[in-house]
Amino acid sequence: MTGFEIASGAVGHEAEHVSTHGADYQAALQRLWERGNGVSSWGDDGLFGGFAAAYAECTQVSLMALLGVSGEITGTAEGLAATARNTNVAESAIAEDVGRVSWA
C-alpha cells in the first residue's frame, strides 16, 4: 500500500471547475487581445513615439505570457480529467479481476 488514493469523482468534478475557470480566463484574455494596446488613443504627435513603441511591445509580451498561463490552466483541467478517467478504468478492471478470482 502506498497510502495514496484518488477520489476520482472529486477529481473529475474539480477538472470541470478548472476547465470553467480556464474558459473564463481565456475569454478575458481574448477581450484584452481585441482591445489592443491602447497606444492609438494617445495621438501621434511624435513626442511619445519611443514610449509608445516600448509600451506596445510590453503589452504584446505580457499578452503572450498570459496566453501561456491560459494553456497551463487548460492543460491542468485536461490532466485532472484524464486522471479521473484512468482511475475509473483501473478501478473497474481491478474489481472485475477480483470478481474472477476463485478462492480455494
C-alpha atoms as a PDB file:
ATOM      1  CA  MET A   1       0.000   0.000   0.000  1.00  0.00           C
ATOM      2  CA  THR A   2       1.235   3.424  -0.867  1.00  0.00           C
ATOM      3  CA  GLY A   3      -1.314   5.287   1.207  1.00  0.00           C
ATOM      4  CA  PHE A   4      -2.119   7.237  -1.943  1.00  0.00           C
ATOM      5  CA  GLU A   5      -5.751   7.326  -3.000  1.00  0.00           C
ATOM      6  CA  ILE A   6      -7.524   9.208  -5.735  1.00  0.00           C
ATOM      7  CA  ALA A   7     -11.167  10.126  -5.291  1.00  0.00           C
ATOM      8  CA  SER A   8     -11.907  10.010  -8.999  1.00  0.00           C
ATOM      9  CA  GLY A   9     -15.348  11.586  -8.616  1.00  0.00           C
ATOM     10  CA  ALA A  10     -13.903  14.585  -6.794  1.00  0.00           C
ATOM     11  CA  VAL A  11     -11.017  14.858  -9.254  1.00  0.00           C
ATOM     12  CA  GLY A  12     -13.456  14.780 -12.179  1.00  0.00           C
ATOM     13  CA  HIS A  13     -15.613  17.428 -10.523  1.00  0.00           C
ATOM     14  CA  GLU A  14     -12.618  19.686  -9.927  1.00  0.00           C
ATOM     15  CA  ALA A  15     -11.475  19.122 -13.514  1.00  0.00           C
ATOM     16  CA  GLU A  16     -14.775  20.660 -14.613  1.00  0.00           C
ATOM     17  CA  HIS A  17     -14.201  23.639 -12.293  1.00  0.00           C
ATOM     18  CA  VAL A  18     -10.672  24.216 -13.580  1.00  0.00           C
ATOM     19  CA  SER A  19     -11.922  23.892 -17.153  1.00  0.00           C
ATOM     20  CA  THR A  20     -14.594  26.526 -16.471  1.00  0.00           C
ATOM     21  CA  HIS A  21     -12.004  28.843 -14.917  1.00  0.00           C
ATOM     22  CA  GLY A  22      -9.758  28.255 -17.926  1.00  0.00           C
ATOM     23  CA  ALA A  23     -12.542  29.190 -20.330  1.00  0.00           C
ATOM     24  CA  ASP A  24     -13.313  32.338 -18.313  1.00  0.00           C
ATOM     25  CA  TYR A  25      -9.623  33.260 -18.248  1.00  0.00           C
ATOM     26  CA  GLN A  26      -9.304  32.690 -21.982  1.00  0.00           C
ATOM     27  CA  ALA A  27     -12.395  34.830 -22.671  1.00  0.00           C
ATOM     28  CA  ALA A  28     -10.969  37.675 -20.577  1.00  0.00           C
ATOM     29  CA  LEU A  29      -7.650  37.353 -22.355  1.00  0.00           C
ATOM     30  CA  GLN A  30      -9.414  37.448 -25.721  1.00  0.00           C
ATOM     31  CA  ARG A  31     -11.111  40.723 -24.743  1.00  0.00           C
ATOM     32  CA  LEU A  32      -7.717  42.194 -23.804  1.00  0.00           C
ATOM     33  CA  TRP A  33      -6.231  40.983 -27.082  1.00  0.00           C
ATOM     34  CA  GLU A  34      -9.077  42.530 -29.104  1.00  0.00           C
ATOM     35  CA  ARG A  35      -8.800  45.816 -27.226  1.00  0.00           C
ATOM     36  CA  GLY A  36      -5.235  46.226 -28.381  1.00  0.00           C
ATOM     37  CA  ASN A  37      -2.511  48.138 -26.645  1.00  0.00           C
ATOM     38  CA  GLY A  38      -4.333  51.469 -26.455  1.00  0.00           C
ATOM     39  CA  VAL A  39      -1.421  53.413 -27.937  1.00  0.00           C
ATOM     40  CA  SER A  40      -3.538  54.773 -30.798  1.00  0.00           C
ATOM     41  CA  SER A  41      -5.672  56.730 -28.319  1.00  0.00           C
ATOM     42  CA  TRP A  42      -2.633  58.804 -27.323  1.00  0.00           C
ATOM     43  CA  GLY A  43      -2.468  60.553 -30.666  1.00  0.00           C
ATOM     44  CA  ASP A  44       0.546  60.720 -32.948  1.00  0.00           C
ATOM     45  CA  ASP A  45       2.368  63.922 -32.127  1.00  0.00           C
ATOM     46  CA  GLY A  46       5.805  62.302 -32.149  1.00  0.00           C
ATOM     47  CA  LEU A  47       6.634  63.223 -28.566  1.00  0.00           C
ATOM     48  CA  PHE A  48       5.777  59.849 -27.155  1.00  0.00           C
ATOM     49  CA  GLY A  49       6.862  57.726 -30.122  1.00  0.00           C
ATOM     50  CA  GLY A  50       9.621  55.883 -28.270  1.00  0.00           C
ATOM     51  CA  PHE A  51       7.493  55.373 -25.204  1.00  0.00           C
ATOM     52  CA  ALA A  52       4.507  54.219 -27.274  1.00  0.00           C
ATOM     53  CA  ALA A  53       6.636  51.655 -29.113  1.00  0.00           C
ATOM     54  CA  ALA A  54       8.067  50.294 -25.860  1.00  0.00           C
ATOM     55  CA  TYR A  55       4.616  50.205 -24.285  1.00  0.00           C
ATOM     56  CA  ALA A  56       3.160  48.363 -27.279  1.00  0.00           C
ATOM     57  CA  GLU A  57       5.969  45.798 -27.117  1.00  0.00           C
ATOM     58  CA  CYS A  58       5.488  45.285 -23.366  1.00  0.00           C
ATOM     59  CA  THR A  59       1.768  44.836 -23.893  1.00  0.00           C
ATOM     60  CA  GLN A  60       2.406  42.237 -26.590  1.00  0.00           C
ATOM     61  CA  VAL A  61       4.911  40.315 -24.440  1.00  0.00           C
ATOM     62  CA  SER A  62       2.528  40.407 -21.466  1.00  0.00           C
ATOM     63  CA  LEU A  63      -0.355  39.065 -23.525  1.00  0.00           C
ATOM     64  CA  MET A  64       1.836  36.259 -24.843  1.00  0.00           C
ATOM     65  CA  ALA A  65       2.816  35.352 -21.268  1.00  0.00           C
ATOM     66  CA  LEU A  66      -0.825  35.354 -20.222  1.00  0.00           C
ATOM     67  CA  LEU A  67      -1.600  33.132 -23.200  1.00  0.00           C
ATOM     68  CA  GLY A  68       0.950  30.675 -21.804  1.00  0.00           C
ATOM     69  CA  VAL A  69      -0.818  30.739 -18.431  1.00  0.00           C
ATOM     70  CA  SER A  70      -4.086  30.037 -20.237  1.00  0.00           C
ATOM     71  CA  GLY A  71      -2.524  26.971 -21.831  1.00  0.00           C
ATOM     72  CA  GLU A  72      -1.366  25.733 -18.427  1.00  0.00           C
ATOM     73  CA  ILE A  73      -4.852  26.127 -16.954  1.00  0.00           C
ATOM     74  CA  THR A  74      -6.342  24.198 -19.876  1.00  0.00           C
ATOM     75  CA  GLY A  75      -3.653  21.528 -19.609  1.00  0.00           C
ATOM     76  CA  THR A  76      -4.276  21.151 -15.882  1.00  0.00           C
ATOM     77  CA  ALA A  77      -8.004  20.654 -16.458  1.00  0.00           C
ATOM     78  CA  GLU A  78      -7.298  18.062 -19.153  1.00  0.00           C
ATOM     79  CA  GLY A  79      -4.804  16.292 -16.876  1.00  0.00           C
ATOM     80  CA  LEU A  80      -7.277  16.152 -13.995  1.00  0.00           C
ATOM     81  CA  ALA A  81      -9.992  14.797 -16.286  1.00  0.00           C
ATOM     82  CA  ALA A  82      -7.614  12.151 -17.662  1.00  0.00           C
ATOM     83  CA  THR A  83      -6.609  11.166 -14.117  1.00  0.00           C
ATOM     84  CA  ALA A  84     -10.255  10.712 -13.137  1.00  0.00           C
ATOM     85  CA  ARG A  85     -10.952   8.666 -16.288  1.00  0.00           C
ATOM     86  CA  ASN A  86      -7.876   6.484 -15.878  1.00  0.00           C
ATOM     87  CA  THR A  87      -8.626   5.899 -12.200  1.00  0.00           C
ATOM     88  CA  ASN A  88     -12.171   4.801 -13.015  1.00  0.00           C
ATOM     89  CA  VAL A  89     -10.924   2.438 -15.723  1.00  0.00           C
ATOM     90  CA  ALA A  90      -8.280   0.969 -13.409  1.00  0.00           C
ATOM     91  CA  GLU A  91     -10.722   0.531 -10.526  1.00  0.00           C
ATOM     92  CA  SER A  92     -13.237  -1.170 -12.824  1.00  0.00           C
ATOM     93  CA  ALA A  93     -10.583  -3.529 -14.179  1.00  0.00           C
ATOM     94  CA  ILE A  94      -9.386  -4.378 -10.675  1.00  0.00           C
ATOM     95  CA  ALA A  95     -12.936  -5.009  -9.462  1.00  0.00           C
ATOM     96  CA  GLU A  96     -13.563  -7.253 -12.467  1.00  0.00           C
ATOM     97  CA  ASP A  97     -10.340  -9.188 -11.879  1.00  0.00           C
ATOM     98  CA  VAL A  98     -11.052  -9.606  -8.167  1.00  0.00           C
ATOM     99  CA  GLY A  99     -14.510 -10.913  -9.036  1.00  0.00           C
ATOM    100  CA  ARG A 100     -12.956 -13.630 -11.214  1.00  0.00           C
ATOM    101  CA  VAL A 101     -10.579 -14.895  -8.561  1.00  0.00           C
ATOM    102  CA  SER A 102     -11.668 -18.212  -7.116  1.00  0.00           C
ATOM    103  CA  TRP A 103     -10.653 -18.531  -3.513  1.00  0.00           C
ATOM    104  CA  ALA A 104      -9.994 -22.202  -2.915  1.00  0.00           C
END
